[in-house]
Amino acid sequence: MIRLKQFSCGYPNSPVLAQTDLTIAAGKITVVIGRNGSGKSTLAQVLAGLKLDFSGEVWLDELHLKRSTPMRELRQKVGLVLQNPDHQILFGRVQDEISFALQNLALPEITDLPKDKRARQSAIQAKRQEIVLEVLTQVGLADKINANPRELSGGQKQRLALASALALHPEYLILDEVASMLDLPSRRSVYRIIEKLKQQGIGVVMMTNLLDEILLADTVLILDNGKVTIVTPAEIIRNLDILTQHGLEAPLLLQVAKKINVESLRDLQDKL
């Protein structure tokens, strides 16, 4: 699990959290919501190890997050996917996007490698190619392995960003507004992947302004004025005033969910 102990972080006159103890479950989907400027992206950067100017403690399972935390250990524990996938594209081939993450951290680690240098490099490259194909298959992009990432659709680019993070086999994924720039069919494809990741035991923390995504969650965190309110989707649907109390407006989909008494996106899709 992810644990924050006496955690404080933010900017002058704009705290994200102050003196907060918080636990985020492993293997579950946690959706983080709040008004613009409430600190969702800042918290995402903290959990991904990109923002370390906080007080208190942050633990990723047994890994204590601090400036001296080895990058390899951090990236194998937690991956980050940003709102705009174009900001994460560096190369001219899909497979190179994923291979780079592995090469940069000298992964994977393989036991019983051949002693011959050329044979050793060949074995490592073969394993990397295996991982590339594995994660592209996982996100439905195996047929795009040699494509130019910049020629992919927005939804495909976002799935590629997910694949790049998954290549390092993290135990948690931090998703910062990953569906906000996508059309509805692309969002649904990303949501299906997220649900599959949960089934595989990967913890997913989703920062979002799309309040419909509450229906994906096991737990919802509401950030507001340096404090966090922890609720379930069921509690929100039964009482949509929870959102308005924090300056948020209940979207139509949640209003429909309340009327037909469903508490998850899957149940809602089954009834509509």
C-alpha atoms as a PDB file:
ATOM      1  CA  MET A   1       0.000   0.000   0.000  1.00  0.00           C
ATOM      2  CA  ILE A   2       0.965   3.652  -0.382  1.00  0.00           C
ATOM      3  CA  ARG A   3       1.235   5.444   2.951  1.00  0.00           C
ATOM      4  CA  LEU A   4       1.547   9.140   3.694  1.00  0.00           C
ATOM      5  CA  LYS A   5       2.526   9.985   7.272  1.00  0.00           C
ATOM      6  CA  GLN A   6       2.166  13.533   8.595  1.00  0.00           C
ATOM      7  CA  PHE A   7       2.443  14.573   4.962  1.00  0.00           C
ATOM      8  CA  SER A   8       2.406  18.236   3.956  1.00  0.00           C
ATOM      9  CA  CYS A   9       2.984  19.597   0.480  1.00  0.00           C
ATOM     10  CA  GLY A  10       1.876  22.466  -1.690  1.00  0.00           C
ATOM     11  CA  TYR A  11       2.627  26.031  -2.670  1.00  0.00           C
ATOM     12  CA  PRO A  12       2.301  29.351  -0.806  1.00  0.00           C
ATOM     13  CA  ASN A  13      -1.370  29.931   0.031  1.00  0.00           C
ATOM     14  CA  SER A  14      -2.290  26.708  -1.817  1.00  0.00           C
ATOM     15  CA  PRO A  15      -1.708  23.557   0.230  1.00  0.00           C
ATOM     16  CA  VAL A  16      -2.248  20.174  -1.388  1.00  0.00           C
ATOM     17  CA  LEU A  17      -2.382  18.332   1.907  1.00  0.00           C
ATOM     18  CA  ALA A  18      -1.372  19.446   5.386  1.00  0.00           C
ATOM     19  CA  GLN A  19      -0.286  17.144   8.218  1.00  0.00           C
ATOM     20  CA  THR A  20      -2.130  14.269   6.580  1.00  0.00           C
ATOM     21  CA  ASP A  21      -2.061  10.544   7.271  1.00  0.00           C
ATOM     22  CA  LEU A  22      -3.377   8.631   4.269  1.00  0.00           C
ATOM     23  CA  THR A  23      -3.365   5.062   2.994  1.00  0.00           C
ATOM     24  CA  ILE A  24      -3.956   4.094  -0.643  1.00  0.00           C
ATOM     25  CA  ALA A  25      -4.685   0.415  -1.167  1.00  0.00           C
ATOM     26  CA  ALA A  26      -2.593  -1.845  -3.381  1.00  0.00           C
ATOM     27  CA  GLY A  27      -4.344  -3.614  -6.240  1.00  0.00           C
ATOM     28  CA  LYS A  28      -7.295  -1.209  -6.247  1.00  0.00           C
ATOM     29  CA  ILE A  29      -8.448   1.784  -8.281  1.00  0.00           C
ATOM     30  CA  THR A  30      -8.299   5.043  -6.372  1.00  0.00           C
ATOM     31  CA  VAL A  31      -9.753   8.131  -8.060  1.00  0.00           C
ATOM     32  CA  VAL A  32      -8.556  11.543  -6.869  1.00  0.00           C
ATOM     33  CA  ILE A  33     -10.844  14.511  -7.536  1.00  0.00           C
ATOM     34  CA  GLY A  34     -11.024  18.154  -6.521  1.00  0.00           C
ATOM     35  CA  ARG A  35     -11.442  21.611  -7.943  1.00  0.00           C
ATOM     36  CA  ASN A  36      -8.850  23.039 -10.313  1.00  0.00           C
ATOM     37  CA  GLY A  37      -5.836  24.001  -8.248  1.00  0.00           C
ATOM     38  CA  SER A  38      -6.645  21.574  -5.444  1.00  0.00           C
ATOM     39  CA  GLY A  39      -3.348  19.758  -5.996  1.00  0.00           C
ATOM     40  CA  LYS A  40      -4.210  16.597  -7.908  1.00  0.00           C
ATOM     41  CA  SER A  41      -1.271  16.885 -10.313  1.00  0.00           C
ATOM     42  CA  THR A  42       1.056  17.881  -7.487  1.00  0.00           C
ATOM     43  CA  LEU A  43       0.106  14.757  -5.563  1.00  0.00           C
ATOM     44  CA  ALA A  44       0.650  12.693  -8.719  1.00  0.00           C
ATOM     45  CA  GLN A  45       4.168  14.117  -9.038  1.00  0.00           C
ATOM     46  CA  VAL A  46       4.898  13.323  -5.405  1.00  0.00           C
ATOM     47  CA  LEU A  47       3.728   9.723  -5.656  1.00  0.00           C
ATOM     48  CA  ALA A  48       5.751   9.263  -8.857  1.00  0.00           C
ATOM     49  CA  GLY A  49       8.893  10.608  -7.193  1.00  0.00           C
ATOM     50  CA  LEU A  50       9.109  13.769  -9.302  1.00  0.00           C
ATOM     51  CA  LYS A  51       8.347  16.247  -6.504  1.00  0.00           C
ATOM     52  CA  LEU A  52      10.217  15.654  -3.295  1.00  0.00           C
ATOM     53  CA  ASP A  53       9.900  19.022  -1.537  1.00  0.00           C
ATOM     54  CA  PHE A  54       7.385  17.764   0.995  1.00  0.00           C
ATOM     55  CA  SER A  55       7.462  17.192   4.722  1.00  0.00           C
ATOM     56  CA  GLY A  56       6.505  13.970   6.423  1.00  0.00           C
ATOM     57  CA  GLU A  57       6.944  10.510   4.971  1.00  0.00           C
ATOM     58  CA  VAL A  58       5.805   8.751   1.804  1.00  0.00           C
ATOM     59  CA  TRP A  59       6.068   4.962   1.571  1.00  0.00           C
ATOM     60  CA  LEU A  60       5.435   2.862  -1.527  1.00  0.00           C
ATOM     61  CA  ASP A  61       4.992  -0.485   0.184  1.00  0.00           C
ATOM     62  CA  GLU A  62       8.412  -1.018   1.777  1.00  0.00           C
ATOM     63  CA  LEU A  63      10.119   1.662  -0.362  1.00  0.00           C
ATOM     64  CA  HIS A  64      10.700   4.927   1.507  1.00  0.00           C
ATOM     65  CA  LEU A  65      10.395   7.791  -0.985  1.00  0.00           C
ATOM     66  CA  LYS A  66      13.197  10.315  -0.559  1.00  0.00           C
ATOM     67  CA  ARG A  67      15.894  12.032  -2.603  1.00  0.00           C
ATOM     68  CA  SER A  68      18.260   9.078  -2.269  1.00  0.00           C
ATOM     69  CA  THR A  69      15.724   6.511  -3.511  1.00  0.00           C
ATOM     70  CA  PRO A  70      17.342   4.682  -6.481  1.00  0.00           C
ATOM     71  CA  MET A  71      15.546   5.517  -9.724  1.00  0.00           C
ATOM     72  CA  ARG A  72      15.441   1.886 -10.822  1.00  0.00           C
ATOM     73  CA  GLU A  73      13.668   0.840  -7.619  1.00  0.00           C
ATOM     74  CA  LEU A  74      11.277   3.757  -7.902  1.00  0.00           C
ATOM     75  CA  ARG A  75      10.301   3.105 -11.536  1.00  0.00           C
ATOM     76  CA  GLN A  76       9.777  -0.595 -10.865  1.00  0.00           C
ATOM     77  CA  LYS A  77       7.476   0.364  -8.015  1.00  0.00           C
ATOM     78  CA  VAL A  78       5.458   3.185  -9.602  1.00  0.00           C
ATOM     79  CA  GLY A  79       4.841   4.449 -13.142  1.00  0.00           C
ATOM     80  CA  LEU A  80       3.416   7.786 -14.240  1.00  0.00           C
ATOM     81  CA  VAL A  81       1.277   8.557 -17.302  1.00  0.00           C
ATOM     82  CA  LEU A  82       0.517  12.189 -18.108  1.00  0.00           C
ATOM     83  CA  GLN A  83      -2.462  13.988 -19.602  1.00  0.00           C
ATOM     84  CA  ASN A  84      -0.849  14.719 -22.978  1.00  0.00           C
ATOM     85  CA  PRO A  85       0.834  11.626 -24.474  1.00  0.00           C
ATOM     86  CA  ASP A  86       2.708  13.801 -26.989  1.00  0.00           C
ATOM     87  CA  HIS A  87       4.843  15.019 -24.089  1.00  0.00           C
ATOM     88  CA  GLN A  88       6.091  11.462 -23.558  1.00  0.00           C
ATOM     89  CA  ILE A  89       6.908  10.573 -27.181  1.00  0.00           C
ATOM     90  CA  LEU A  90      10.615  10.673 -27.998  1.00  0.00           C
ATOM     91  CA  PHE A  91      11.248   8.261 -30.867  1.00  0.00           C
ATOM     92  CA  GLY A  92      10.098   7.449 -34.388  1.00  0.00           C
ATOM     93  CA  ARG A  93       8.985   3.869 -33.754  1.00  0.00           C
ATOM     94  CA  VAL A  94       6.521   2.502 -31.249  1.00  0.00           C
ATOM     95  CA  GLN A  95       8.824  -0.268 -30.090  1.00  0.00           C
ATOM     96  CA  ASP A  96      11.659   2.197 -29.457  1.00  0.00           C
ATOM     97  CA  GLU A  97       9.454   4.183 -27.069  1.00  0.00           C
ATOM     98  CA  ILE A  98       9.152   1.138 -24.836  1.00  0.00           C
ATOM     99  CA  SER A  99      12.687  -0.187 -25.331  1.00  0.00           C
ATOM    100  CA  PHE A 100      14.139   3.139 -24.220  1.00  0.00           C
ATOM    101  CA  ALA A 101      12.586   2.878 -20.761  1.00  0.00           C
ATOM    102  CA  LEU A 102      14.131  -0.563 -20.334  1.00  0.00           C
ATOM    103  CA  GLN A 103      17.543   0.466 -21.671  1.00  0.00           C
ATOM    104  CA  ASN A 104      17.636   3.634 -19.573  1.00  0.00           C
ATOM    105  CA  LEU A 105      17.359   1.601 -16.364  1.00  0.00           C
ATOM    106  CA  ALA A 106      19.419  -1.362 -17.631  1.00  0.00           C
ATOM    107  CA  LEU A 107      16.405  -3.650 -17.447  1.00  0.00           C
ATOM    108  CA  PRO A 108      15.442  -6.408 -17.393  1.00  0.00           C
ATOM    109  CA  GLU A 109      17.824  -8.073 -14.990  1.00  0.00           C
ATOM    110  CA  ILE A 110      18.516 -11.597 -16.257  1.00  0.00           C
ATOM    111  CA  THR A 111      20.236 -14.363 -14.334  1.00  0.00           C
ATOM    112  CA  ASP A 112      22.499 -16.957 -15.980  1.00  0.00           C
ATOM    113  CA  LEU A 113      23.510 -14.758 -18.895  1.00  0.00           C
ATOM    114  CA  PRO A 114      26.118 -16.116 -21.331  1.00  0.00           C
ATOM    115  CA  LYS A 115      29.693 -15.091 -20.560  1.00  0.00           C
ATOM    116  CA  ASP A 116      30.347 -14.029 -24.125  1.00  0.00           C
ATOM    117  CA  LYS A 117      29.644 -10.292 -24.401  1.00  0.00           C
ATOM    118  CA  ARG A 118      27.902 -10.475 -27.773  1.00  0.00           C
ATOM    119  CA  ALA A 119      25.746 -13.420 -26.705  1.00  0.00           C
ATOM    120  CA  ARG A 120      24.899 -11.620 -23.481  1.00  0.00           C
ATOM    121  CA  GLN A 121      23.779  -8.497 -25.324  1.00  0.00           C
ATOM    122  CA  SER A 122      21.754 -10.628 -27.711  1.00  0.00           C
ATOM    123  CA  ALA A 123      19.961 -12.365 -24.816  1.00  0.00           C
ATOM    124  CA  ILE A 124      19.141  -9.038 -23.155  1.00  0.00           C
ATOM    125  CA  GLN A 125      17.851  -7.582 -26.427  1.00  0.00           C
ATOM    126  CA  ALA A 126      15.679 -10.638 -27.051  1.00  0.00           C
ATOM    127  CA  LYS A 127      14.160 -10.315 -23.572  1.00  0.00           C
ATOM    128  CA  ARG A 128      13.491  -6.617 -24.103  1.00  0.00           C
ATOM    129  CA  GLN A 129      11.771  -7.355 -27.392  1.00  0.00           C
ATOM    130  CA  GLU A 130       9.652  -9.952 -25.610  1.00  0.00           C
ATOM    131  CA  ILE A 131       8.588  -7.371 -23.033  1.00  0.00           C
ATOM    132  CA  VAL A 132       7.827  -4.809 -25.749  1.00  0.00           C
ATOM    133  CA  LEU A 133       5.495  -7.213 -27.528  1.00  0.00           C
ATOM    134  CA  GLU A 134       3.936  -8.289 -24.217  1.00  0.00           C
ATOM    135  CA  VAL A 135       2.943  -4.772 -23.133  1.00  0.00           C
ATOM    136  CA  LEU A 136       1.842  -3.698 -26.625  1.00  0.00           C
ATOM    137  CA  THR A 137      -0.423  -6.751 -26.717  1.00  0.00           C
ATOM    138  CA  GLN A 138      -1.707  -5.798 -23.278  1.00  0.00           C
ATOM    139  CA  VAL A 139      -2.864  -2.387 -24.548  1.00  0.00           C
ATOM    140  CA  GLY A 140      -4.010  -3.584 -27.978  1.00  0.00           C
ATOM    141  CA  LEU A 141      -1.168  -2.082 -30.026  1.00  0.00           C
ATOM    142  CA  ALA A 142       0.827  -5.148 -31.056  1.00  0.00           C
ATOM    143  CA  ASP A 143       0.059  -4.435 -34.719  1.00  0.00           C
ATOM    144  CA  LYS A 144       1.587  -0.954 -34.355  1.00  0.00           C
ATOM    145  CA  ILE A 145       5.008  -2.113 -33.163  1.00  0.00           C
ATOM    146  CA  ASN A 146       6.838  -0.521 -36.118  1.00  0.00           C
ATOM    147  CA  ALA A 147       4.542   2.470 -36.557  1.00  0.00           C
ATOM    148  CA  ASN A 148       5.515   6.097 -36.017  1.00  0.00           C
ATOM    149  CA  PRO A 149       4.004   7.092 -32.643  1.00  0.00           C
ATOM    150  CA  ARG A 150       3.174  10.573 -33.912  1.00  0.00           C
ATOM    151  CA  GLU A 151       0.919   9.061 -36.568  1.00  0.00           C
ATOM    152  CA  LEU A 152      -1.213   7.243 -34.007  1.00  0.00           C
ATOM    153  CA  SER A 153      -4.604   8.513 -32.866  1.00  0.00           C
ATOM    154  CA  GLY A 154      -4.900  10.263 -29.522  1.00  0.00           C
ATOM    155  CA  GLY A 155      -6.274   7.151 -27.874  1.00  0.00           C
ATOM    156  CA  GLN A 156      -3.522   4.976 -29.336  1.00  0.00           C
ATOM    157  CA  LYS A 157      -0.861   7.418 -28.123  1.00  0.00           C
ATOM    158  CA  GLN A 158      -2.276   7.260 -24.622  1.00  0.00           C
ATOM    159  CA  ARG A 159      -2.279   3.469 -24.737  1.00  0.00           C
ATOM    160  CA  LEU A 160       1.355   3.607 -25.868  1.00  0.00           C
ATOM    161  CA  ALA A 161       2.162   5.797 -22.861  1.00  0.00           C
ATOM    162  CA  LEU A 162       0.514   3.169 -20.653  1.00  0.00           C
ATOM    163  CA  ALA A 163       2.547   0.432 -22.329  1.00  0.00           C
ATOM    164  CA  SER A 164       5.796   2.327 -21.730  1.00  0.00           C
ATOM    165  CA  ALA A 165       5.003   2.564 -18.024  1.00  0.00           C
ATOM    166  CA  LEU A 166       3.911  -1.080 -17.825  1.00  0.00           C
ATOM    167  CA  ALA A 167       7.152  -2.311 -19.428  1.00  0.00           C
ATOM    168  CA  LEU A 168       8.921  -1.753 -16.114  1.00  0.00           C
ATOM    169  CA  HIS A 169       6.332  -3.960 -14.348  1.00  0.00           C
ATOM    170  CA  PRO A 170       5.369  -1.368 -11.712  1.00  0.00           C
ATOM    171  CA  GLU A 171       3.121  -2.272  -8.814  1.00  0.00           C
ATOM    172  CA  TYR A 172       1.336   1.087  -9.019  1.00  0.00           C
ATOM    173  CA  LEU A 173       0.342   3.366 -11.887  1.00  0.00           C
ATOM    174  CA  ILE A 174      -0.289   7.061 -11.339  1.00  0.00           C
ATOM    175  CA  LEU A 175      -2.548   8.435 -14.087  1.00  0.00           C
ATOM    176  CA  ASP A 176      -2.791  12.218 -14.321  1.00  0.00           C
ATOM    177  CA  GLU A 177      -5.866  13.185 -16.359  1.00  0.00           C
ATOM    178  CA  VAL A 178      -5.132  10.410 -18.886  1.00  0.00           C
ATOM    179  CA  ALA A 179      -8.576  10.476 -20.518  1.00  0.00           C
ATOM    180  CA  SER A 180      -9.269  14.200 -20.537  1.00  0.00           C
ATOM    181  CA  MET A 181      -8.038  14.762 -24.117  1.00  0.00           C
ATOM    182  CA  LEU A 182      -9.677  11.652 -25.591  1.00  0.00           C
ATOM    183  CA  ASP A 183     -12.975  11.086 -27.372  1.00  0.00           C
ATOM    184  CA  LEU A 184     -15.519   8.742 -25.802  1.00  0.00           C
ATOM    185  CA  PRO A 185     -14.520   5.513 -27.650  1.00  0.00           C
ATOM    186  CA  SER A 186     -10.850   6.135 -26.786  1.00  0.00           C
ATOM    187  CA  ARG A 187     -11.751   6.775 -23.153  1.00  0.00           C
ATOM    188  CA  ARG A 188     -13.620   3.496 -22.994  1.00  0.00           C
ATOM    189  CA  SER A 189     -10.626   1.604 -24.379  1.00  0.00           C
ATOM    190  CA  VAL A 190      -8.393   3.169 -21.723  1.00  0.00           C
ATOM    191  CA  TYR A 191     -10.937   2.363 -18.998  1.00  0.00           C
ATOM    192  CA  ARG A 192     -11.010  -1.298 -20.081  1.00  0.00           C
ATOM    193  CA  ILE A 193      -7.231  -1.445 -19.770  1.00  0.00           C
ATOM    194  CA  ILE A 194      -7.383   0.109 -16.301  1.00  0.00           C
ATOM    195  CA  GLU A 195      -9.907  -2.479 -15.153  1.00  0.00           C
ATOM    196  CA  LYS A 196      -7.675  -5.270 -16.471  1.00  0.00           C
ATOM    197  CA  LEU A 197      -4.688  -3.817 -14.626  1.00  0.00           C
ATOM    198  CA  LYS A 198      -6.661  -3.972 -11.404  1.00  0.00           C
ATOM    199  CA  GLN A 199      -7.460  -7.613 -12.102  1.00  0.00           C
ATOM    200  CA  GLN A 200      -3.717  -8.205 -12.459  1.00  0.00           C
ATOM    201  CA  GLY A 201      -3.126  -6.720  -9.013  1.00  0.00           C
ATOM    202  CA  ILE A 202      -1.734  -3.354 -10.126  1.00  0.00           C
ATOM    203  CA  GLY A 203      -2.809  -0.415  -7.988  1.00  0.00           C
ATOM    204  CA  VAL A 204      -4.103   2.501 -10.081  1.00  0.00           C
ATOM    205  CA  VAL A 205      -4.323   6.067  -8.779  1.00  0.00           C
ATOM    206  CA  MET A 206      -6.278   8.302 -11.169  1.00  0.00           C
ATOM    207  CA  MET A 207      -6.203  12.085 -10.880  1.00  0.00           C
ATOM    208  CA  THR A 208      -9.158  13.438 -12.843  1.00  0.00           C
ATOM    209  CA  ASN A 209     -11.540  16.287 -13.555  1.00  0.00           C
ATOM    210  CA  LEU A 210     -13.890  13.835 -15.310  1.00  0.00           C
ATOM    211  CA  LEU A 211     -16.132  12.986 -12.383  1.00  0.00           C
ATOM    212  CA  ASP A 212     -17.742  10.154 -14.366  1.00  0.00           C
ATOM    213  CA  GLU A 213     -14.531   8.238 -13.599  1.00  0.00           C
ATOM    214  CA  ILE A 214     -15.699   7.930 -10.007  1.00  0.00           C
ATOM    215  CA  LEU A 215     -17.650   4.920 -11.288  1.00  0.00           C
ATOM    216  CA  LEU A 216     -14.339   3.123 -11.969  1.00  0.00           C
ATOM    217  CA  ALA A 217     -13.123   3.549  -8.408  1.00  0.00           C
ATOM    218  CA  ASP A 218     -12.923   1.394  -5.338  1.00  0.00           C
ATOM    219  CA  THR A 219     -12.129   4.507  -3.304  1.00  0.00           C
ATOM    220  CA  VAL A 220     -12.446   8.236  -4.032  1.00  0.00           C
ATOM    221  CA  LEU A 221     -10.192  10.899  -2.522  1.00  0.00           C
ATOM    222  CA  ILE A 222     -11.495  14.476  -2.583  1.00  0.00           C
ATOM    223  CA  LEU A 223      -8.809  17.149  -2.211  1.00  0.00           C
ATOM    224  CA  ASP A 224     -10.052  20.454  -0.849  1.00  0.00           C
ATOM    225  CA  ASN A 225      -8.138  23.232   0.911  1.00  0.00           C
ATOM    226  CA  GLY A 226      -5.310  21.048   2.108  1.00  0.00           C
ATOM    227  CA  LYS A 227      -7.514  18.265   3.412  1.00  0.00           C
ATOM    228  CA  VAL A 228      -8.596  14.917   1.998  1.00  0.00           C
ATOM    229  CA  THR A 229     -12.045  13.347   2.271  1.00  0.00           C
ATOM    230  CA  ILE A 230     -12.207   9.591   1.673  1.00  0.00           C
ATOM    231  CA  VAL A 231     -15.451   8.176   0.294  1.00  0.00           C
ATOM    232  CA  THR A 232     -16.700   5.330  -1.867  1.00  0.00           C
ATOM    233  CA  PRO A 233     -18.477   5.712  -5.216  1.00  0.00           C
ATOM    234  CA  ALA A 234     -21.604   4.269  -3.582  1.00  0.00           C
ATOM    235  CA  GLU A 235     -21.601   6.998  -0.932  1.00  0.00           C
ATOM    236  CA  ILE A 236     -21.265   9.706  -3.587  1.00  0.00           C
ATOM    237  CA  ILE A 237     -24.030   8.282  -5.760  1.00  0.00           C
ATOM    238  CA  ARG A 238     -26.377   8.015  -2.796  1.00  0.00           C
ATOM    239  CA  ASN A 239     -25.588  11.585  -1.797  1.00  0.00           C
ATOM    240  CA  LEU A 240     -24.426  13.782  -4.685  1.00  0.00           C
ATOM    241  CA  ASP A 241     -24.303  16.722  -2.279  1.00  0.00           C
ATOM    242  CA  ILE A 242     -20.903  15.352  -1.220  1.00  0.00           C
ATOM    243  CA  LEU A 243     -19.579  16.756  -4.489  1.00  0.00           C
ATOM    244  CA  THR A 244     -21.270  20.137  -4.215  1.00  0.00           C
ATOM    245  CA  GLN A 245     -19.955  20.523  -0.669  1.00  0.00           C
ATOM    246  CA  HIS A 246     -16.470  20.479  -2.182  1.00  0.00           C
ATOM    247  CA  GLY A 247     -17.247  22.866  -5.041  1.00  0.00           C
ATOM    248  CA  LEU A 248     -17.840  20.134  -7.619  1.00  0.00           C
ATOM    249  CA  GLU A 249     -20.841  19.613  -9.884  1.00  0.00           C
ATOM    250  CA  ALA A 250     -22.310  16.151 -10.288  1.00  0.00           C
ATOM    251  CA  PRO A 251     -22.172  15.169 -13.997  1.00  0.00           C
ATOM    252  CA  LEU A 252     -25.207  13.772 -15.776  1.00  0.00           C
ATOM    253  CA  LEU A 253     -23.839  10.220 -15.736  1.00  0.00           C
ATOM    254  CA  LEU A 254     -23.683  10.185 -11.935  1.00  0.00           C
ATOM    255  CA  GLN A 255     -27.185  11.616 -11.731  1.00  0.00           C
ATOM    256  CA  VAL A 256     -28.390   8.791 -13.990  1.00  0.00           C
ATOM    257  CA  ALA A 257     -26.480   6.259 -11.869  1.00  0.00           C
ATOM    258  CA  LYS A 258     -28.301   7.517  -8.786  1.00  0.00           C
ATOM    259  CA  LYS A 259     -31.714   7.274 -10.447  1.00  0.00           C
ATOM    260  CA  ILE A 260     -31.222   3.690 -11.603  1.00  0.00           C
ATOM    261  CA  ASN A 261     -29.336   2.676  -8.453  1.00  0.00           C
ATOM    262  CA  VAL A 262     -25.978   1.510  -9.835  1.00  0.00           C
ATOM    263  CA  GLU A 263     -22.564   2.035  -8.314  1.00  0.00           C
ATOM    264  CA  SER A 264     -20.042   1.093 -11.013  1.00  0.00           C
ATOM    265  CA  LEU A 265     -19.353   1.880 -14.648  1.00  0.00           C
ATOM    266  CA  ARG A 266     -19.798  -1.760 -15.639  1.00  0.00           C
ATOM    267  CA  ASP A 267     -23.217  -1.984 -13.949  1.00  0.00           C
ATOM    268  CA  LEU A 268     -24.255   1.281 -15.583  1.00  0.00           C
ATOM    269  CA  GLN A 269     -23.245   0.073 -19.044  1.00  0.00           C
ATOM    270  CA  ASP A 270     -25.178  -3.154 -18.467  1.00  0.00           C
ATOM    271  CA  LYS A 271     -28.378  -1.232 -17.656  1.00  0.00           C
ATOM    272  CA  LEU A 272     -28.179   1.429 -20.361  1.00  0.00           C
END
